[in-house]
Amino acid sequence: MADALELDALWEDFHRVVNMTSAELAAWLRVRDAHEETEPLPEDAGSPTGQHVLSILQKRRTDLTDDDIRVMHKVVDTVGDLVDMEDEPEPETASEDTGRRHRLMTLGHDPLKP
């Protein structure tokens, strides 16, 4: 388990990059997983990481597990890497830009949100 200062910094970083509320993320995960003929149960919608982010958003800092902390580090790093890509030249297609936005949203970060 991380020490208190490291955990405080990670908690702040995580909540800075995850700018979607738990309700917004849950709705996005359900929409993202809905298919023409099937739709998963709401609690099963989305990627395992997306579900884990949703779970973390619904916890208090004192209830975090080592696995939660690992996922929080992964999300902060991944979102940071994908957001840094936004400084690169404009995507060549709208679908390329949409794909990046959707990957970020699955982690709880909507780049179009202020």
Protein backbone atom coordinates (compact mmCIF):
# COMPACT_ATOMS: atom_id res chain seq x y z
CA MET A 1 0.00 0.00 0.00
CA ALA A 2 1.22 3.49 -0.81
CA ASP A 3 2.08 5.93 1.97
CA ALA A 4 -0.42 8.67 2.85
CA LEU A 5 1.28 11.45 0.85
CA GLU A 6 1.60 9.29 -2.28
CA LEU A 7 -2.01 8.18 -1.93
CA ASP A 8 -3.19 11.79 -1.51
CA ALA A 9 -1.32 12.83 -4.66
CA LEU A 10 -2.65 9.84 -6.63
CA TRP A 11 -6.22 10.51 -5.42
CA GLU A 12 -5.95 14.13 -6.60
CA ASP A 13 -4.38 13.15 -9.95
CA PHE A 14 -7.00 10.46 -10.54
CA HIS A 15 -9.90 12.80 -9.82
CA ARG A 16 -8.32 15.50 -11.99
CA VAL A 17 -8.03 13.24 -15.06
CA VAL A 18 -11.30 11.39 -14.46
CA ASN A 19 -13.60 14.32 -15.18
CA MET A 20 -16.79 12.32 -15.73
CA THR A 21 -19.14 11.66 -12.84
CA SER A 22 -19.93 8.08 -11.90
CA ALA A 23 -23.41 8.52 -13.48
CA GLU A 24 -21.90 9.84 -16.73
CA LEU A 25 -19.35 7.03 -16.87
CA ALA A 26 -21.95 4.35 -16.09
CA ALA A 27 -24.21 5.70 -18.86
CA TRP A 28 -21.28 5.85 -21.31
CA LEU A 29 -20.22 2.27 -20.55
CA ARG A 30 -23.80 1.04 -21.15
CA VAL A 31 -24.05 2.94 -24.45
CA ARG A 32 -20.59 1.83 -25.53
CA ASP A 33 -21.42 -1.86 -24.97
CA ALA A 34 -24.94 -1.78 -26.43
CA HIS A 35 -25.25 -3.72 -29.65
CA GLU A 36 -28.05 -4.00 -32.16
CA GLU A 37 -29.38 -7.27 -30.74
CA THR A 38 -27.94 -7.45 -27.23
CA GLU A 39 -27.12 -5.22 -24.34
CA PRO A 40 -25.23 -6.33 -21.21
CA LEU A 41 -26.64 -5.93 -17.74
CA PRO A 42 -25.76 -2.42 -16.48
CA GLU A 43 -23.31 -3.76 -13.91
CA ASP A 44 -21.53 -5.76 -16.65
CA ALA A 45 -21.27 -2.96 -19.23
CA GLY A 46 -17.90 -1.66 -20.33
CA SER A 47 -14.34 -2.84 -20.17
CA PRO A 48 -12.94 -4.27 -16.93
CA THR A 49 -10.87 -1.10 -16.50
CA GLY A 50 -13.89 1.13 -17.12
CA GLN A 51 -15.86 -0.86 -14.56
CA HIS A 52 -12.99 -0.57 -12.09
CA VAL A 53 -12.80 3.22 -12.59
CA LEU A 54 -16.54 3.39 -11.93
CA SER A 55 -16.07 1.36 -8.76
CA ILE A 56 -13.26 3.66 -7.57
CA LEU A 57 -15.41 6.74 -8.19
CA GLN A 58 -17.97 5.29 -5.80
CA LYS A 59 -15.44 4.70 -2.99
CA ARG A 60 -13.95 6.77 -0.24
CA ARG A 61 -10.19 7.16 -0.25
CA THR A 62 -9.92 5.05 2.92
CA ASP A 63 -11.62 2.10 1.19
CA LEU A 64 -9.11 1.77 -1.68
CA THR A 65 -7.45 -1.59 -2.25
CA ASP A 66 -4.01 -2.24 -3.71
CA ASP A 67 -5.75 -3.23 -6.96
CA ASP A 68 -7.63 0.10 -6.98
CA ILE A 69 -4.33 1.95 -6.55
CA ARG A 70 -2.79 0.00 -9.44
CA VAL A 71 -5.73 0.88 -11.70
CA MET A 72 -5.61 4.53 -10.62
CA HIS A 73 -1.92 4.73 -11.61
CA LYS A 74 -2.73 3.04 -14.94
CA VAL A 75 -5.61 5.45 -15.67
CA VAL A 76 -3.59 8.56 -14.78
CA ASP A 77 -0.71 7.40 -17.01
CA THR A 78 -2.93 6.28 -19.91
CA VAL A 79 -5.08 9.42 -19.93
CA GLY A 80 -1.93 11.53 -19.69
CA ASP A 81 -0.44 9.74 -22.69
CA LEU A 82 -3.63 10.01 -24.77
CA VAL A 83 -4.17 13.68 -23.88
CA ASP A 84 -0.53 14.44 -24.76
CA MET A 85 -1.31 13.02 -28.19
CA GLU A 86 -3.77 15.90 -28.64
CA ASP A 87 -0.78 18.22 -28.99
CA GLU A 88 0.24 16.31 -32.11
CA PRO A 89 -1.03 17.26 -35.58
CA GLU A 90 -4.77 17.13 -36.13
CA PRO A 91 -6.14 13.62 -36.75
CA GLU A 92 -6.52 12.87 -40.43
CA THR A 93 -10.08 11.61 -40.04
CA ALA A 94 -12.96 12.38 -37.72
CA SER A 95 -13.15 8.70 -36.80
CA GLU A 96 -9.53 8.78 -35.61
CA ASP A 97 -10.37 11.71 -33.29
CA THR A 98 -13.63 10.06 -32.20
CA GLY A 99 -11.81 6.80 -31.45
CA ARG A 100 -9.36 8.59 -29.17
CA ARG A 101 -12.20 10.43 -27.39
CA HIS A 102 -14.07 7.16 -26.89
CA ARG A 103 -10.97 5.44 -25.46
CA LEU A 104 -10.55 8.33 -23.03
CA MET A 105 -14.22 8.28 -22.06
CA THR A 106 -14.01 4.56 -21.28
CA LEU A 107 -11.45 5.58 -18.64
CA GLY A 108 -13.69 8.37 -17.32
CA HIS A 109 -12.08 11.31 -19.14
CA ASP A 110 -14.12 13.33 -21.62
CA PRO A 111 -11.71 15.62 -23.50
CA LEU A 112 -14.59 17.85 -24.58
CA LYS A 113 -15.48 18.66 -20.97
CA PRO A 114 -13.94 21.84 -19.57
